[in-house]
């Protein structure tokens, strides 16, 4: 999954797209509340 995240970043860079870095954001948020508070099943956001 981390390899696919990196691939998405390369795709964005090559297309000169604005990249919205969600993984790091959710990892930071998970320090203030449990992961399931932000995405109950780990995938779909609350």
ModelCIF file with pLDDT and N, C-alpha, C, O atoms, coordinates in Angstrom:
data_MODEL
#
_entry.id   MODEL 
#
_entity.id                         1 
_entity.type                       polymer 
_entity.pdbx_number_of_molecules   1 
#
_entity_poly.entity_id                      1 
_entity_poly.type                           'polypeptide(L)' 
_entity_poly.nstd_linkage                   no 
_entity_poly.nstd_monomer                   no 
_entity_poly.pdbx_seq_one_letter_code       
;(UNK)(UNK)(UNK)(UNK)(UNK)(UNK)(UNK)(UNK)(UNK)(UNK)(UNK)(UNK)(UNK)(UNK)(UNK)(UNK)
(UNK)(UNK)(UNK)(UNK)(UNK)(UNK)(UNK)(UNK)(UNK)(UNK)(UNK)(UNK)(UNK)(UNK)(UNK)(UNK)
(UNK)(UNK)(UNK)(UNK)(UNK)(UNK)(UNK)(UNK)(UNK)(UNK)(UNK)(UNK)(UNK)(UNK)
;
_entity_poly.pdbx_seq_one_letter_code_can   XXXXXXXXXXXXXXXXXXXXXXXXXXXXXXXXXXXXXXXXXXXXXX 
_entity_poly.pdbx_strand_id                 A 
#
loop_
_entity_poly_seq.entity_id 
_entity_poly_seq.num 
_entity_poly_seq.mon_id 
_entity_poly_seq.hetero 
1 1  UNK n 
1 2  UNK n 
1 3  UNK n 
1 4  UNK n 
1 5  UNK n 
1 6  UNK n 
1 7  UNK n 
1 8  UNK n 
1 9  UNK n 
1 10 UNK n 
1 11 UNK n 
1 12 UNK n 
1 13 UNK n 
1 14 UNK n 
1 15 UNK n 
1 16 UNK n 
1 17 UNK n 
1 18 UNK n 
1 19 UNK n 
1 20 UNK n 
1 21 UNK n 
1 22 UNK n 
1 23 UNK n 
1 24 UNK n 
1 25 UNK n 
1 26 UNK n 
1 27 UNK n 
1 28 UNK n 
1 29 UNK n 
1 30 UNK n 
1 31 UNK n 
1 32 UNK n 
1 33 UNK n 
1 34 UNK n 
1 35 UNK n 
1 36 UNK n 
1 37 UNK n 
1 38 UNK n 
1 39 UNK n 
1 40 UNK n 
1 41 UNK n 
1 42 UNK n 
1 43 UNK n 
1 44 UNK n 
1 45 UNK n 
1 46 UNK n 
#
_struct_asym.id          A 
_struct_asym.entity_id   1 
#
loop_
_ma_qa_metric.id 
_ma_qa_metric.mode 
_ma_qa_metric.name 
_ma_qa_metric.software_group_id 
_ma_qa_metric.type 
1 global pLDDT . pLDDT 
2 local  pLDDT . pLDDT 
#
_ma_qa_metric_global.metric_id      1 
_ma_qa_metric_global.metric_value   97.87 
_ma_qa_metric_global.model_id       1 
_ma_qa_metric_global.ordinal_id     1 
#
loop_
_ma_qa_metric_local.label_asym_id 
_ma_qa_metric_local.label_comp_id 
_ma_qa_metric_local.label_seq_id 
_ma_qa_metric_local.metric_id 
_ma_qa_metric_local.metric_value 
_ma_qa_metric_local.model_id 
_ma_qa_metric_local.ordinal_id 
A UNK 1  2 98.00 1 1  
A UNK 2  2 98.00 1 2  
A UNK 3  2 98.00 1 3  
A UNK 4  2 98.00 1 4  
A UNK 5  2 98.00 1 5  
A UNK 6  2 98.00 1 6  
A UNK 7  2 98.00 1 7  
A UNK 8  2 98.00 1 8  
A UNK 9  2 98.00 1 9  
A UNK 10 2 98.00 1 10 
A UNK 11 2 98.00 1 11 
A UNK 12 2 98.00 1 12 
A UNK 13 2 98.00 1 13 
A UNK 14 2 98.00 1 14 
A UNK 15 2 98.00 1 15 
A UNK 16 2 98.00 1 16 
A UNK 17 2 98.00 1 17 
A UNK 18 2 98.00 1 18 
A UNK 19 2 98.00 1 19 
A UNK 20 2 98.00 1 20 
A UNK 21 2 98.00 1 21 
A UNK 22 2 98.00 1 22 
A UNK 23 2 98.00 1 23 
A UNK 24 2 98.00 1 24 
A UNK 25 2 98.00 1 25 
A UNK 26 2 98.00 1 26 
A UNK 27 2 98.00 1 27 
A UNK 28 2 98.00 1 28 
A UNK 29 2 98.00 1 29 
A UNK 30 2 98.00 1 30 
A UNK 31 2 97.00 1 31 
A UNK 32 2 97.00 1 32 
A UNK 33 2 98.00 1 33 
A UNK 34 2 98.00 1 34 
A UNK 35 2 98.00 1 35 
A UNK 36 2 98.00 1 36 
A UNK 37 2 98.00 1 37 
A UNK 38 2 98.00 1 38 
A UNK 39 2 98.00 1 39 
A UNK 40 2 95.00 1 40 
A UNK 41 2 97.00 1 41 
A UNK 42 2 98.00 1 42 
A UNK 43 2 98.00 1 43 
A UNK 44 2 98.00 1 44 
A UNK 45 2 98.00 1 45 
A UNK 46 2 98.00 1 46 
#
loop_
_atom_site.group_PDB 
_atom_site.id 
_atom_site.type_symbol 
_atom_site.label_atom_id 
_atom_site.label_alt_id 
_atom_site.label_comp_id 
_atom_site.label_asym_id 
_atom_site.label_entity_id 
_atom_site.label_seq_id 
_atom_site.pdbx_PDB_ins_code 
_atom_site.Cartn_x 
_atom_site.Cartn_y 
_atom_site.Cartn_z 
_atom_site.occupancy 
_atom_site.B_iso_or_equiv 
_atom_site.pdbx_formal_charge 
_atom_site.auth_seq_id 
_atom_site.auth_comp_id 
_atom_site.auth_asym_id 
_atom_site.auth_atom_id 
_atom_site.pdbx_PDB_model_num 
ATOM 1   N N  . UNK A 1 1  ? 0.830   -1.199 0.000   1.00 98.00 ? 1  UNK A N  1 
ATOM 2   C CA . UNK A 1 1  ? 0.000   0.000  0.000   1.00 98.00 ? 1  UNK A CA 1 
ATOM 3   C C  . UNK A 1 1  ? 0.869   1.254  0.000   1.00 98.00 ? 1  UNK A C  1 
ATOM 4   O O  . UNK A 1 1  ? 0.545   2.230  -0.677  1.00 98.00 ? 1  UNK A O  1 
ATOM 5   N N  . UNK A 1 2  ? 1.949   1.239  0.739   1.00 98.00 ? 2  UNK A N  1 
ATOM 6   C CA . UNK A 1 2  ? 2.845   2.395  0.747   1.00 98.00 ? 2  UNK A CA 1 
ATOM 7   C C  . UNK A 1 2  ? 3.468   2.615  -0.631  1.00 98.00 ? 2  UNK A C  1 
ATOM 8   O O  . UNK A 1 2  ? 3.709   3.753  -1.034  1.00 98.00 ? 2  UNK A O  1 
ATOM 9   N N  . UNK A 1 3  ? 3.725   1.527  -1.348  1.00 98.00 ? 3  UNK A N  1 
ATOM 10  C CA . UNK A 1 3  ? 4.265   1.650  -2.705  1.00 98.00 ? 3  UNK A CA 1 
ATOM 11  C C  . UNK A 1 3  ? 3.236   2.288  -3.634  1.00 98.00 ? 3  UNK A C  1 
ATOM 12  O O  . UNK A 1 3  ? 3.590   3.061  -4.524  1.00 98.00 ? 3  UNK A O  1 
ATOM 13  N N  . UNK A 1 4  ? 1.981   1.966  -3.426  1.00 98.00 ? 4  UNK A N  1 
ATOM 14  C CA . UNK A 1 4  ? 0.924   2.558  -4.252  1.00 98.00 ? 4  UNK A CA 1 
ATOM 15  C C  . UNK A 1 4  ? 0.721   4.034  -3.906  1.00 98.00 ? 4  UNK A C  1 
ATOM 16  O O  . UNK A 1 4  ? 0.423   4.839  -4.789  1.00 98.00 ? 4  UNK A O  1 
ATOM 17  N N  . UNK A 1 5  ? 0.877   4.390  -2.650  1.00 98.00 ? 5  UNK A N  1 
ATOM 18  C CA . UNK A 1 5  ? 0.810   5.807  -2.281  1.00 98.00 ? 5  UNK A CA 1 
ATOM 19  C C  . UNK A 1 5  ? 1.906   6.586  -2.985  1.00 98.00 ? 5  UNK A C  1 
ATOM 20  O O  . UNK A 1 5  ? 1.677   7.676  -3.509  1.00 98.00 ? 5  UNK A O  1 
ATOM 21  N N  . UNK A 1 6  ? 3.099   6.010  -2.989  1.00 98.00 ? 6  UNK A N  1 
ATOM 22  C CA . UNK A 1 6  ? 4.223   6.674  -3.657  1.00 98.00 ? 6  UNK A CA 1 
ATOM 23  C C  . UNK A 1 6  ? 3.963   6.792  -5.156  1.00 98.00 ? 6  UNK A C  1 
ATOM 24  O O  . UNK A 1 6  ? 4.340   7.784  -5.780  1.00 98.00 ? 6  UNK A O  1 
ATOM 25  N N  . UNK A 1 7  ? 3.320   5.778  -5.729  1.00 98.00 ? 7  UNK A N  1 
ATOM 26  C CA . UNK A 1 7  ? 2.991   5.829  -7.157  1.00 98.00 ? 7  UNK A CA 1 
ATOM 27  C C  . UNK A 1 7  ? 2.017   6.952  -7.449  1.00 98.00 ? 7  UNK A C  1 
ATOM 28  O O  . UNK A 1 7  ? 2.153   7.651  -8.453  1.00 98.00 ? 7  UNK A O  1 
ATOM 29  N N  . UNK A 1 8  ? 1.024   7.134  -6.568  1.00 98.00 ? 8  UNK A N  1 
ATOM 30  C CA . UNK A 1 8  ? 0.064   8.222  -6.760  1.00 98.00 ? 8  UNK A CA 1 
ATOM 31  C C  . UNK A 1 8  ? 0.765   9.575  -6.712  1.00 98.00 ? 8  UNK A C  1 
ATOM 32  O O  . UNK A 1 8  ? 0.412   10.487 -7.460  1.00 98.00 ? 8  UNK A O  1 
ATOM 33  N N  . UNK A 1 9  ? 1.742   9.703  -5.847  1.00 98.00 ? 9  UNK A N  1 
ATOM 34  C CA . UNK A 1 9  ? 2.497   10.956 -5.766  1.00 98.00 ? 9  UNK A CA 1 
ATOM 35  C C  . UNK A 1 9  ? 3.287   11.199 -7.052  1.00 98.00 ? 9  UNK A C  1 
ATOM 36  O O  . UNK A 1 9  ? 3.360   12.330 -7.533  1.00 98.00 ? 9  UNK A O  1 
ATOM 37  N N  . UNK A 1 10 ? 3.874   10.144 -7.606  1.00 98.00 ? 10 UNK A N  1 
ATOM 38  C CA . UNK A 1 10 ? 4.613   10.294 -8.866  1.00 98.00 ? 10 UNK A CA 1 
ATOM 39  C C  . UNK A 1 10 ? 3.670   10.677 -9.999  1.00 98.00 ? 10 UNK A C  1 
ATOM 40  O O  . UNK A 1 10 ? 4.011   11.508 -10.841 1.00 98.00 ? 10 UNK A O  1 
ATOM 41  N N  . UNK A 1 11 ? 2.499   10.080 -10.020 1.00 98.00 ? 11 UNK A N  1 
ATOM 42  C CA . UNK A 1 11 ? 1.509   10.408 -11.042 1.00 98.00 ? 11 UNK A CA 1 
ATOM 43  C C  . UNK A 1 11 ? 1.127   11.892 -10.944 1.00 98.00 ? 11 UNK A C  1 
ATOM 44  O O  . UNK A 1 11 ? 1.050   12.585 -11.958 1.00 98.00 ? 11 UNK A O  1 
ATOM 45  N N  . UNK A 1 12 ? 0.893   12.363 -9.739  1.00 98.00 ? 12 UNK A N  1 
ATOM 46  C CA . UNK A 1 12 ? 0.539   13.765 -9.541  1.00 98.00 ? 12 UNK A CA 1 
ATOM 47  C C  . UNK A 1 12 ? 1.656   14.690 -10.008 1.00 98.00 ? 12 UNK A C  1 
ATOM 48  O O  . UNK A 1 12 ? 1.411   15.683 -10.693 1.00 98.00 ? 12 UNK A O  1 
ATOM 49  N N  . UNK A 1 13 ? 2.879   14.354 -9.632  1.00 98.00 ? 13 UNK A N  1 
ATOM 50  C CA . UNK A 1 13 ? 4.010   15.197 -10.019 1.00 98.00 ? 13 UNK A CA 1 
ATOM 51  C C  . UNK A 1 13 ? 4.167   15.250 -11.534 1.00 98.00 ? 13 UNK A C  1 
ATOM 52  O O  . UNK A 1 13 ? 4.396   16.317 -12.103 1.00 98.00 ? 13 UNK A O  1 
ATOM 53  N N  . UNK A 1 14 ? 4.043   14.093 -12.186 1.00 98.00 ? 14 UNK A N  1 
ATOM 54  C CA . UNK A 1 14 ? 4.211   14.038 -13.641 1.00 98.00 ? 14 UNK A CA 1 
ATOM 55  C C  . UNK A 1 14 ? 3.119   14.832 -14.356 1.00 98.00 ? 14 UNK A C  1 
ATOM 56  O O  . UNK A 1 14 ? 3.367   15.431 -15.403 1.00 98.00 ? 14 UNK A O  1 
ATOM 57  N N  . UNK A 1 15 ? 1.913   14.835 -13.790 1.00 98.00 ? 15 UNK A N  1 
ATOM 58  C CA . UNK A 1 15 ? 0.785   15.539 -14.407 1.00 98.00 ? 15 UNK A CA 1 
ATOM 59  C C  . UNK A 1 15 ? 0.696   16.994 -13.956 1.00 98.00 ? 15 UNK A C  1 
ATOM 60  O O  . UNK A 1 15 ? -0.194  17.726 -14.389 1.00 98.00 ? 15 UNK A O  1 
ATOM 61  N N  . UNK A 1 16 ? 1.614   17.414 -13.090 1.00 98.00 ? 16 UNK A N  1 
ATOM 62  C CA . UNK A 1 16 ? 1.593   18.759 -12.518 1.00 98.00 ? 16 UNK A CA 1 
ATOM 63  C C  . UNK A 1 16 ? 0.272   19.024 -11.798 1.00 98.00 ? 16 UNK A C  1 
ATOM 64  O O  . UNK A 1 16 ? -0.296  20.113 -11.872 1.00 98.00 ? 16 UNK A O  1 
ATOM 65  N N  . UNK A 1 17 ? -0.187  18.006 -11.111 1.00 98.00 ? 17 UNK A N  1 
ATOM 66  C CA . UNK A 1 17 ? -1.430  18.105 -10.359 1.00 98.00 ? 17 UNK A CA 1 
ATOM 67  C C  . UNK A 1 17 ? -1.155  18.578 -8.934  1.00 98.00 ? 17 UNK A C  1 
ATOM 68  O O  . UNK A 1 17 ? -0.065  18.365 -8.402  1.00 98.00 ? 17 UNK A O  1 
ATOM 69  N N  . UNK A 1 18 ? -2.130  19.208 -8.332  1.00 98.00 ? 18 UNK A N  1 
ATOM 70  C CA . UNK A 1 18 ? -2.056  19.527 -6.917  1.00 98.00 ? 18 UNK A CA 1 
ATOM 71  C C  . UNK A 1 18 ? -2.204  18.233 -6.130  1.00 98.00 ? 18 UNK A C  1 
ATOM 72  O O  . UNK A 1 18 ? -3.156  17.483 -6.345  1.00 98.00 ? 18 UNK A O  1 
ATOM 73  N N  . UNK A 1 19 ? -1.281  17.969 -5.231  1.00 98.00 ? 19 UNK A N  1 
ATOM 74  C CA . UNK A 1 19 ? -1.294  16.727 -4.452  1.00 98.00 ? 19 UNK A CA 1 
ATOM 75  C C  . UNK A 1 19 ? -1.795  17.015 -3.044  1.00 98.00 ? 19 UNK A C  1 
ATOM 76  O O  . UNK A 1 19 ? -1.309  17.930 -2.380  1.00 98.00 ? 19 UNK A O  1 
ATOM 77  N N  . UNK A 1 20 ? -2.776  16.226 -2.588  1.00 98.00 ? 20 UNK A N  1 
ATOM 78  C CA . UNK A 1 20 ? -3.338  16.393 -1.256  1.00 98.00 ? 20 UNK A CA 1 
ATOM 79  C C  . UNK A 1 20 ? -2.880  15.215 -0.403  1.00 98.00 ? 20 UNK A C  1 
ATOM 80  O O  . UNK A 1 20 ? -3.415  14.117 -0.554  1.00 98.00 ? 20 UNK A O  1 
ATOM 81  N N  . UNK A 1 21 ? -1.897  15.409 0.496   1.00 98.00 ? 21 UNK A N  1 
ATOM 82  C CA . UNK A 1 21 ? -1.261  14.316 1.243   1.00 98.00 ? 21 UNK A CA 1 
ATOM 83  C C  . UNK A 1 21 ? -2.089  13.865 2.452   1.00 98.00 ? 21 UNK A C  1 
ATOM 84  O O  . UNK A 1 21 ? -1.965  14.425 3.541   1.00 98.00 ? 21 UNK A O  1 
ATOM 85  N N  . UNK A 1 22 ? -2.921  12.862 2.253   1.00 98.00 ? 22 UNK A N  1 
ATOM 86  C CA . UNK A 1 22 ? -3.859  12.449 3.290   1.00 98.00 ? 22 UNK A CA 1 
ATOM 87  C C  . UNK A 1 22 ? -3.277  11.476 4.308   1.00 98.00 ? 22 UNK A C  1 
ATOM 88  O O  . UNK A 1 22 ? -3.684  11.493 5.470   1.00 98.00 ? 22 UNK A O  1 
ATOM 89  N N  . UNK A 1 23 ? -2.335  10.630 3.902   1.00 98.00 ? 23 UNK A N  1 
ATOM 90  C CA . UNK A 1 23 ? -1.834  9.617  4.838   1.00 98.00 ? 23 UNK A CA 1 
ATOM 91  C C  . UNK A 1 23 ? -1.179  10.259 6.066   1.00 98.00 ? 23 UNK A C  1 
ATOM 92  O O  . UNK A 1 23 ? -1.505  9.913  7.202   1.00 98.00 ? 23 UNK A O  1 
ATOM 93  N N  . UNK A 1 24 ? -0.275  11.176 5.836   1.00 98.00 ? 24 UNK A N  1 
ATOM 94  C CA . UNK A 1 24 ? 0.388   11.836 6.953   1.00 98.00 ? 24 UNK A CA 1 
ATOM 95  C C  . UNK A 1 24 ? -0.593  12.609 7.820   1.00 98.00 ? 24 UNK A C  1 
ATOM 96  O O  . UNK A 1 24 ? -0.449  12.652 9.042   1.00 98.00 ? 24 UNK A O  1 
ATOM 97  N N  . UNK A 1 25 ? -1.585  13.216 7.191   1.00 98.00 ? 25 UNK A N  1 
ATOM 98  C CA . UNK A 1 25 ? -2.589  13.953 7.956   1.00 98.00 ? 25 UNK A CA 1 
ATOM 99  C C  . UNK A 1 25 ? -3.318  13.018 8.916   1.00 98.00 ? 25 UNK A C  1 
ATOM 100 O O  . UNK A 1 25 ? -3.470  13.333 10.096  1.00 98.00 ? 25 UNK A O  1 
ATOM 101 N N  . UNK A 1 26 ? -3.770  11.866 8.412   1.00 98.00 ? 26 UNK A N  1 
ATOM 102 C CA . UNK A 1 26 ? -4.508  10.939 9.266   1.00 98.00 ? 26 UNK A CA 1 
ATOM 103 C C  . UNK A 1 26 ? -3.611  10.319 10.340  1.00 98.00 ? 26 UNK A C  1 
ATOM 104 O O  . UNK A 1 26 ? -4.077  10.041 11.445  1.00 98.00 ? 26 UNK A O  1 
ATOM 105 N N  . UNK A 1 27 ? -2.357  10.106 10.035  1.00 98.00 ? 27 UNK A N  1 
ATOM 106 C CA . UNK A 1 27 ? -1.449  9.579  11.056  1.00 98.00 ? 27 UNK A CA 1 
ATOM 107 C C  . UNK A 1 27 ? -1.248  10.594 12.174  1.00 98.00 ? 27 UNK A C  1 
ATOM 108 O O  . UNK A 1 27 ? -1.177  10.224 13.346  1.00 98.00 ? 27 UNK A O  1 
ATOM 109 N N  . UNK A 1 28 ? -1.157  11.860 11.820  1.00 98.00 ? 28 UNK A N  1 
ATOM 110 C CA . UNK A 1 28 ? -1.039  12.897 12.855  1.00 98.00 ? 28 UNK A CA 1 
ATOM 111 C C  . UNK A 1 28 ? -2.316  12.989 13.672  1.00 98.00 ? 28 UNK A C  1 
ATOM 112 O O  . UNK A 1 28 ? -2.269  13.110 14.896  1.00 98.00 ? 28 UNK A O  1 
ATOM 113 N N  . UNK A 1 29 ? -3.447  12.931 13.000  1.00 98.00 ? 29 UNK A N  1 
ATOM 114 C CA . UNK A 1 29 ? -4.719  12.996 13.712  1.00 98.00 ? 29 UNK A CA 1 
ATOM 115 C C  . UNK A 1 29 ? -4.891  11.825 14.673  1.00 98.00 ? 29 UNK A C  1 
ATOM 116 O O  . UNK A 1 29 ? -5.525  11.964 15.719  1.00 98.00 ? 29 UNK A O  1 
ATOM 117 N N  . UNK A 1 30 ? -4.329  10.678 14.319  1.00 98.00 ? 30 UNK A N  1 
ATOM 118 C CA . UNK A 1 30 ? -4.475  9.482  15.148  1.00 98.00 ? 30 UNK A CA 1 
ATOM 119 C C  . UNK A 1 30 ? -3.670  9.549  16.436  1.00 98.00 ? 30 UNK A C  1 
ATOM 120 O O  . UNK A 1 30 ? -3.778  8.661  17.282  1.00 98.00 ? 30 UNK A O  1 
ATOM 121 N N  . UNK A 1 31 ? -2.867  10.588 16.593  1.00 97.00 ? 31 UNK A N  1 
ATOM 122 C CA . UNK A 1 31 ? -2.179  10.790 17.867  1.00 97.00 ? 31 UNK A CA 1 
ATOM 123 C C  . UNK A 1 31 ? -3.100  11.472 18.884  1.00 97.00 ? 31 UNK A C  1 
ATOM 124 O O  . UNK A 1 31 ? -2.874  11.388 20.091  1.00 97.00 ? 31 UNK A O  1 
ATOM 125 N N  . UNK A 1 32 ? -4.142  12.147 18.383  1.00 97.00 ? 32 UNK A N  1 
ATOM 126 C CA . UNK A 1 32 ? -5.057  12.853 19.277  1.00 97.00 ? 32 UNK A CA 1 
ATOM 127 C C  . UNK A 1 32 ? -6.333  12.063 19.547  1.00 97.00 ? 32 UNK A C  1 
ATOM 128 O O  . UNK A 1 32 ? -7.021  12.321 20.534  1.00 97.00 ? 32 UNK A O  1 
ATOM 129 N N  . UNK A 1 33 ? -6.651  11.114 18.691  1.00 98.00 ? 33 UNK A N  1 
ATOM 130 C CA . UNK A 1 33 ? -7.814  10.243 18.865  1.00 98.00 ? 33 UNK A CA 1 
ATOM 131 C C  . UNK A 1 33 ? -7.495  8.934  18.158  1.00 98.00 ? 33 UNK A C  1 
ATOM 132 O O  . UNK A 1 33 ? -6.703  8.940  17.215  1.00 98.00 ? 33 UNK A O  1 
ATOM 133 N N  . UNK A 1 34 ? -8.084  7.804  18.576  1.00 98.00 ? 34 UNK A N  1 
ATOM 134 C CA . UNK A 1 34 ? -7.765  6.513  17.960  1.00 98.00 ? 34 UNK A CA 1 
ATOM 135 C C  . UNK A 1 34 ? -8.053  6.501  16.461  1.00 98.00 ? 34 UNK A C  1 
ATOM 136 O O  . UNK A 1 34 ? -8.908  7.253  15.993  1.00 98.00 ? 34 UNK A O  1 
ATOM 137 N N  . UNK A 1 35 ? -7.352  5.659  15.705  1.00 98.00 ? 35 UNK A N  1 
ATOM 138 C CA . UNK A 1 35 ? -7.572  5.604  14.249  1.00 98.00 ? 35 UNK A CA 1 
ATOM 139 C C  . UNK A 1 35 ? -9.030  5.424  13.867  1.00 98.00 ? 35 UNK A C  1 
ATOM 140 O O  . UNK A 1 35 ? -9.504  6.032  12.908  1.00 98.00 ? 35 UNK A O  1 
ATOM 141 N N  . UNK A 1 36 ? -9.758  4.573  14.629  1.00 98.00 ? 36 UNK A N  1 
ATOM 142 C CA . UNK A 1 36 ? -11.155 4.314  14.284  1.00 98.00 ? 36 UNK A CA 1 
ATOM 143 C C  . UNK A 1 36 ? -12.044 5.548  14.455  1.00 98.00 ? 36 UNK A C  1 
ATOM 144 O O  . UNK A 1 36 ? -13.156 5.582  13.928  1.00 98.00 ? 36 UNK A O  1 
ATOM 145 N N  . UNK A 1 37 ? -11.572 6.549  15.176  1.00 98.00 ? 37 UNK A N  1 
ATOM 146 C CA . UNK A 1 37 ? -12.327 7.793  15.286  1.00 98.00 ? 37 UNK A CA 1 
ATOM 147 C C  . UNK A 1 37 ? -12.376 8.507  13.936  1.00 98.00 ? 37 UNK A C  1 
ATOM 148 O O  . UNK A 1 37 ? -13.340 9.212  13.635  1.00 98.00 ? 37 UNK A O  1 
ATOM 149 N N  . UNK A 1 38 ? -11.335 8.323  13.128  1.00 98.00 ? 38 UNK A N  1 
ATOM 150 C CA . UNK A 1 38 ? -11.211 9.000  11.839  1.00 98.00 ? 38 UNK A CA 1 
ATOM 151 C C  . UNK A 1 38 ? -11.668 8.128  10.682  1.00 98.00 ? 38 UNK A C  1 
ATOM 152 O O  . UNK A 1 38 ? -12.173 8.638  9.682   1.00 98.00 ? 38 UNK A O  1 
ATOM 153 N N  . UNK A 1 39 ? -11.494 6.809  10.809  1.00 98.00 ? 39 UNK A N  1 
ATOM 154 C CA . UNK A 1 39 ? -11.931 5.868  9.767   1.00 98.00 ? 39 UNK A CA 1 
ATOM 155 C C  . UNK A 1 39 ? -12.268 4.567  10.474  1.00 98.00 ? 39 UNK A C  1 
ATOM 156 O O  . UNK A 1 39 ? -11.370 3.808  10.839  1.00 98.00 ? 39 UNK A O  1 
ATOM 157 N N  . UNK A 1 40 ? -13.547 4.304  10.668  1.00 95.00 ? 40 UNK A N  1 
ATOM 158 C CA . UNK A 1 40 ? -13.981 3.218  11.548  1.00 95.00 ? 40 UNK A CA 1 
ATOM 159 C C  . UNK A 1 40 ? -13.437 1.857  11.137  1.00 95.00 ? 40 UNK A C  1 
ATOM 160 O O  . UNK A 1 40 ? -13.082 1.049  11.996  1.00 95.00 ? 40 UNK A O  1 
ATOM 161 N N  . UNK A 1 41 ? -13.367 1.594  9.832   1.00 97.00 ? 41 UNK A N  1 
ATOM 162 C CA . UNK A 1 41 ? -12.851 0.306  9.359   1.00 97.00 ? 41 UNK A CA 1 
ATOM 163 C C  . UNK A 1 41 ? -11.439 0.416  8.814   1.00 97.00 ? 41 UNK A C  1 
ATOM 164 O O  . UNK A 1 41 ? -10.921 -0.530 8.221   1.00 97.00 ? 41 UNK A O  1 
ATOM 165 N N  . UNK A 1 42 ? -10.816 1.569  9.014   1.00 98.00 ? 42 UNK A N  1 
ATOM 166 C CA . UNK A 1 42 ? -9.461  1.792  8.512   1.00 98.00 ? 42 UNK A CA 1 
ATOM 167 C C  . UNK A 1 42 ? -9.418  2.362  7.110   1.00 98.00 ? 42 UNK A C  1 
ATOM 168 O O  . UNK A 1 42 ? -8.364  2.791  6.641   1.00 98.00 ? 42 UNK A O  1 
ATOM 169 N N  . UNK A 1 43 ? -10.572 2.367  6.431   1.00 98.00 ? 43 UNK A N  1 
ATOM 170 C CA . UNK A 1 43 ? -10.633 2.815  5.034   1.00 98.00 ? 43 UNK A CA 1 
ATOM 171 C C  . UNK A 1 43 ? -11.629 3.954  4.846   1.00 98.00 ? 43 UNK A C  1 
ATOM 172 O O  . UNK A 1 43 ? -11.282 5.001  4.299   1.00 98.00 ? 43 UNK A O  1 
ATOM 173 N N  . UNK A 1 44 ? -12.863 3.755  5.297   1.00 98.00 ? 44 UNK A N  1 
ATOM 174 C CA . UNK A 1 44 ? -13.928 4.736  5.063   1.00 98.00 ? 44 UNK A CA 1 
ATOM 175 C C  . UNK A 1 44 ? -13.970 5.767  6.192   1.00 98.00 ? 44 UNK A C  1 
ATOM 176 O O  . UNK A 1 44 ? -14.154 5.400  7.353   1.00 98.00 ? 44 UNK A O  1 
ATOM 177 N N  . UNK A 1 45 ? -13.804 7.027  5.873   1.00 98.00 ? 45 UNK A N  1 
ATOM 178 C CA . UNK A 1 45 ? -13.764 8.054  6.912   1.00 98.00 ? 45 UNK A CA 1 
ATOM 179 C C  . UNK A 1 45 ? -15.084 8.197  7.665   1.00 98.00 ? 45 UNK A C  1 
ATOM 180 O O  . UNK A 1 45 ? -16.164 7.992  7.111   1.00 98.00 ? 45 UNK A O  1 
ATOM 181 N N  . UNK A 1 46 ? -14.969 8.543  8.906   1.00 98.00 ? 46 UNK A N  1 
ATOM 182 C CA . UNK A 1 46 ? -16.113 8.968  9.711   1.00 98.00 ? 46 UNK A CA 1 
ATOM 183 C C  . UNK A 1 46 ? -16.442 10.419 9.348   1.00 98.00 ? 46 UNK A C  1 
ATOM 184 O O  . UNK A 1 46 ? -17.377 10.998 9.902   1.00 98.00 ? 46 UNK A O  1 
#
